[in-house]
Structures are given as C-alpha cells and as structure tokens.
C-alpha atoms as a PDB file:
ATOM      1  CA  MET A   1     -43.079   7.184 -53.921  1.00  0.00           C
ATOM      2  CA  ALA A   2     -42.061   9.842 -56.422  1.00  0.00           C
ATOM      3  CA  GLU A   3     -39.122  12.018 -55.989  1.00  0.00           C
ATOM      4  CA  GLU A   4     -39.219  15.469 -57.581  1.00  0.00           C
ATOM      5  CA  ARG A   5     -36.155  17.131 -58.906  1.00  0.00           C
ATOM      6  CA  THR A   6     -36.044  20.602 -60.374  1.00  0.00           C
ATOM      7  CA  THR A   7     -33.586  21.147 -63.142  1.00  0.00           C
ATOM      8  CA  TYR A   8     -32.568  24.297 -64.876  1.00  0.00           C
ATOM      9  CA  THR A   9     -31.835  24.196 -68.608  1.00  0.00           C
ATOM     10  CA  THR A  10     -30.196  26.901 -70.854  1.00  0.00           C
ATOM     11  CA  THR A  11     -31.285  27.037 -74.271  1.00  0.00           C
ATOM     12  CA  THR A  12     -29.717  29.165 -76.954  1.00  0.00           C
ATOM     13  CA  THR A  13     -30.899  29.432 -80.576  1.00  0.00           C
ATOM     14  CA  THR A  14     -29.192  30.870 -83.419  1.00  0.00           C
ATOM     15  CA  ASP A  15     -31.791  33.632 -83.903  1.00  0.00           C
ATOM     16  CA  VAL A  16     -31.301  35.079 -80.309  1.00  0.00           C
ATOM     17  CA  PRO A  17     -28.111  36.812 -79.303  1.00  0.00           C
ATOM     18  CA  PRO A  18     -26.235  35.323 -76.400  1.00  0.00           C
ATOM     19  CA  ALA A  19     -27.273  38.072 -74.090  1.00  0.00           C
ATOM     20  CA  GLN A  20     -30.857  37.141 -74.384  1.00  0.00           C
ATOM     21  CA  THR A  21     -30.498  33.462 -73.288  1.00  0.00           C
ATOM     22  CA  SER A  22     -33.270  32.319 -71.203  1.00  0.00           C
ATOM     23  CA  VAL A  23     -33.195  29.968 -68.295  1.00  0.00           C
ATOM     24  CA  GLN A  24     -36.380  27.860 -67.691  1.00  0.00           C
ATOM     25  CA  PRO A  25     -37.099  25.617 -64.769  1.00  0.00           C
ATOM     26  CA  THR A  26     -38.085  22.153 -65.627  1.00  0.00           C
ATOM     27  CA  THR A  27     -39.564  19.593 -63.212  1.00  0.00           C
ATOM     28  CA  THR A  28     -38.604  16.049 -63.653  1.00  0.00           C
ATOM     29  CA  VAL A  29     -40.518  13.348 -61.726  1.00  0.00           C
ATOM     30  CA  ILE A  30     -38.607  10.163 -61.035  1.00  0.00           C
ATOM     31  CA  GLU A  31     -40.500   7.095 -59.865  1.00  0.00           C
ATOM     32  CA  ARG A  32     -38.707   4.206 -58.398  1.00  0.00           C
ATOM     33  CA  ARG A  33     -40.099   0.719 -58.491  1.00  0.00           C
ATOM     34  CA  GLY A  34     -39.088  -2.576 -57.142  1.00  0.00           C
ATOM     35  CA  GLY A  35     -37.597  -5.254 -59.476  1.00  0.00           C
ATOM     36  CA  GLY A  36     -39.926  -7.894 -58.225  1.00  0.00           C
ATOM     37  CA  GLY A  37     -37.720  -9.214 -55.568  1.00  0.00           C
ATOM     38  CA  THR A  38     -40.330  -8.714 -52.879  1.00  0.00           C
ATOM     39  CA  VAL A  39     -42.692 -11.029 -54.702  1.00  0.00           C
ATOM     40  CA  LEU A  40     -40.166 -13.665 -55.074  1.00  0.00           C
ATOM     41  CA  MET A  41     -39.210 -13.535 -51.401  1.00  0.00           C
ATOM     42  CA  ALA A  42     -42.975 -13.934 -50.536  1.00  0.00           C
ATOM     43  CA  VAL A  43     -43.453 -16.719 -52.724  1.00  0.00           C
ATOM     44  CA  VAL A  44     -40.381 -18.534 -51.216  1.00  0.00           C
ATOM     45  CA  LEU A  45     -41.693 -17.784 -47.727  1.00  0.00           C
ATOM     46  CA  LEU A  46     -45.089 -19.120 -48.454  1.00  0.00           C
ATOM     47  CA  VAL A  47     -43.699 -22.337 -49.838  1.00  0.00           C
ATOM     48  CA  ALA A  48     -41.418 -22.769 -46.674  1.00  0.00           C
ATOM     49  CA  VAL A  49     -44.397 -22.297 -44.429  1.00  0.00           C
ATOM     50  CA  LEU A  50     -46.383 -24.801 -46.387  1.00  0.00           C
ATOM     51  CA  VAL A  51     -43.753 -27.438 -46.386  1.00  0.00           C
ATOM     52  CA  GLY A  52     -43.214 -26.880 -42.652  1.00  0.00           C
ATOM     53  CA  ALA A  53     -46.941 -27.239 -41.938  1.00  0.00           C
ATOM     54  CA  TRP A  54     -47.069 -30.471 -44.052  1.00  0.00           C
ATOM     55  CA  TYR A  55     -44.109 -31.920 -42.127  1.00  0.00           C
ATOM     56  CA  LEU A  56     -45.522 -31.100 -38.764  1.00  0.00           C
ATOM     57  CA  PHE A  57     -49.064 -32.245 -39.464  1.00  0.00           C
ATOM     58  CA  GLY A  58     -47.520 -35.477 -41.053  1.00  0.00           C
ATOM     59  CA  ARG A  59     -45.529 -36.167 -37.839  1.00  0.00           C
ATOM     60  CA  GLN A  60     -48.501 -35.557 -35.702  1.00  0.00           C
ATOM     61  CA  SER A  61     -50.374 -38.297 -37.721  1.00  0.00           C
ATOM     62  CA  ALA A  62     -47.631 -40.741 -37.314  1.00  0.00           C
ATOM     63  CA  GLN A  63     -47.533 -40.045 -33.531  1.00  0.00           C
ATOM     64  CA  ASN A  64     -51.292 -40.455 -33.245  1.00  0.00           C
ATOM     65  CA  GLY A  65     -50.866 -43.898 -35.075  1.00  0.00           C
ATOM     66  CA  ARG A  66     -48.051 -44.938 -32.650  1.00  0.00           C
ATOM     67  CA  ASP A  67     -50.231 -43.964 -29.743  1.00  0.00           C
ATOM     68  CA  ALA A  68     -53.239 -45.976 -30.917  1.00  0.00           C
ATOM     69  CA  ALA A  69     -51.047 -48.978 -31.382  1.00  0.00           C
ATOM     70  CA  ILE A  70     -49.530 -48.749 -27.967  1.00  0.00           C
ATOM     71  CA  THR A  71     -53.077 -48.375 -26.307  1.00  0.00           C
ATOM     72  CA  SER A  72     -54.274 -51.288 -28.301  1.00  0.00           C
ATOM     73  CA  ALA A  73     -51.396 -53.423 -27.148  1.00  0.00           C
ATOM     74  CA  ALA A  74     -51.742 -52.385 -23.564  1.00  0.00           C
ATOM     75  CA  LYS A  75     -55.350 -53.364 -23.713  1.00  0.00           C
ATOM     76  CA  SER A  76     -54.442 -56.845 -25.047  1.00  0.00           C
ATOM     77  CA  VAL A  77     -51.872 -57.328 -22.315  1.00  0.00           C
ATOM     78  CA  GLY A  78     -54.385 -56.200 -19.812  1.00  0.00           C
ATOM     79  CA  GLY A  79     -57.060 -58.708 -21.121  1.00  0.00           C
ATOM     80  CA  ALA A  80     -54.339 -61.469 -21.179  1.00  0.00           C
ATOM     81  CA  ALA A  81     -53.492 -60.647 -17.526  1.00  0.00           C
ATOM     82  CA  ASP A  82     -57.199 -60.795 -16.482  1.00  0.00           C
ATOM     83  CA  LYS A  83     -57.495 -64.248 -17.978  1.00  0.00           C
ATOM     84  CA  VAL A  84     -54.352 -65.568 -16.195  1.00  0.00           C
ATOM     85  CA  GLY A  85     -55.597 -63.947 -13.000  1.00  0.00           C
ATOM     86  CA  ASP A  86     -58.962 -65.739 -13.278  1.00  0.00           C
ATOM     87  CA  ALA A  87     -57.312 -69.069 -14.177  1.00  0.00           C
ATOM     88  CA  MET A  88     -54.870 -68.851 -11.202  1.00  0.00           C
ATOM     89  CA  GLY A  89     -57.328 -67.480  -8.590  1.00  0.00           C
ATOM     90  CA  GLY A  90     -60.011 -69.935  -9.340  1.00  0.00           C
ATOM     91  CA  GLY A  91     -62.679 -67.280  -9.612  1.00  0.00           C
ATOM     92  CA  LYS A  92     -62.769 -66.030  -5.964  1.00  0.00           C
END
C-alpha cells in the first residue's frame, strides 16, 4: 500500500530576485514493504504443524500395534481356556 505525501519546495536561483521565488508542489510516493518476518513466521508455523502431525501419527501407529498385541494375547488365552474346558468337561 502506497502512502502519498505532498511536499512544497522553495527554490531560489542566483539569476532570479528573491521576490520572484517560485513554490512548486512535489508528490512523493512512499512504499512500505515488510522485512520478511511474515515469511519466517509462516515457515516456523509450517514446521511446527509437520512435527505435530508426525508425532500424532507415530503415536497412533504405536497404539495400533499395542492393540493388535493385546488382541492376539486374548485370543491365545481364549484358545487355551477352550482346551482346558474340553479336557475338564470330557467333551459333553
């Protein structure tokens, strides 16, 4: 976004007497630009989001592995219990 500022400059030359001094308006355009801090903050935020996603998905994978191990152990215990029940009950 540009900001316009009008300035007035008085110029005097040695050939012109002081009574004939002219005042000429001059328009100065000042453009303000960022120093790159916004880009740096965006990169830092992106890296933080990527690290957070990697951490969360890594934990989800570990949780799935634990769940699978518990399920497998429960099936083994269930199979052993069926064998003990068959042996104790005599196959009724």
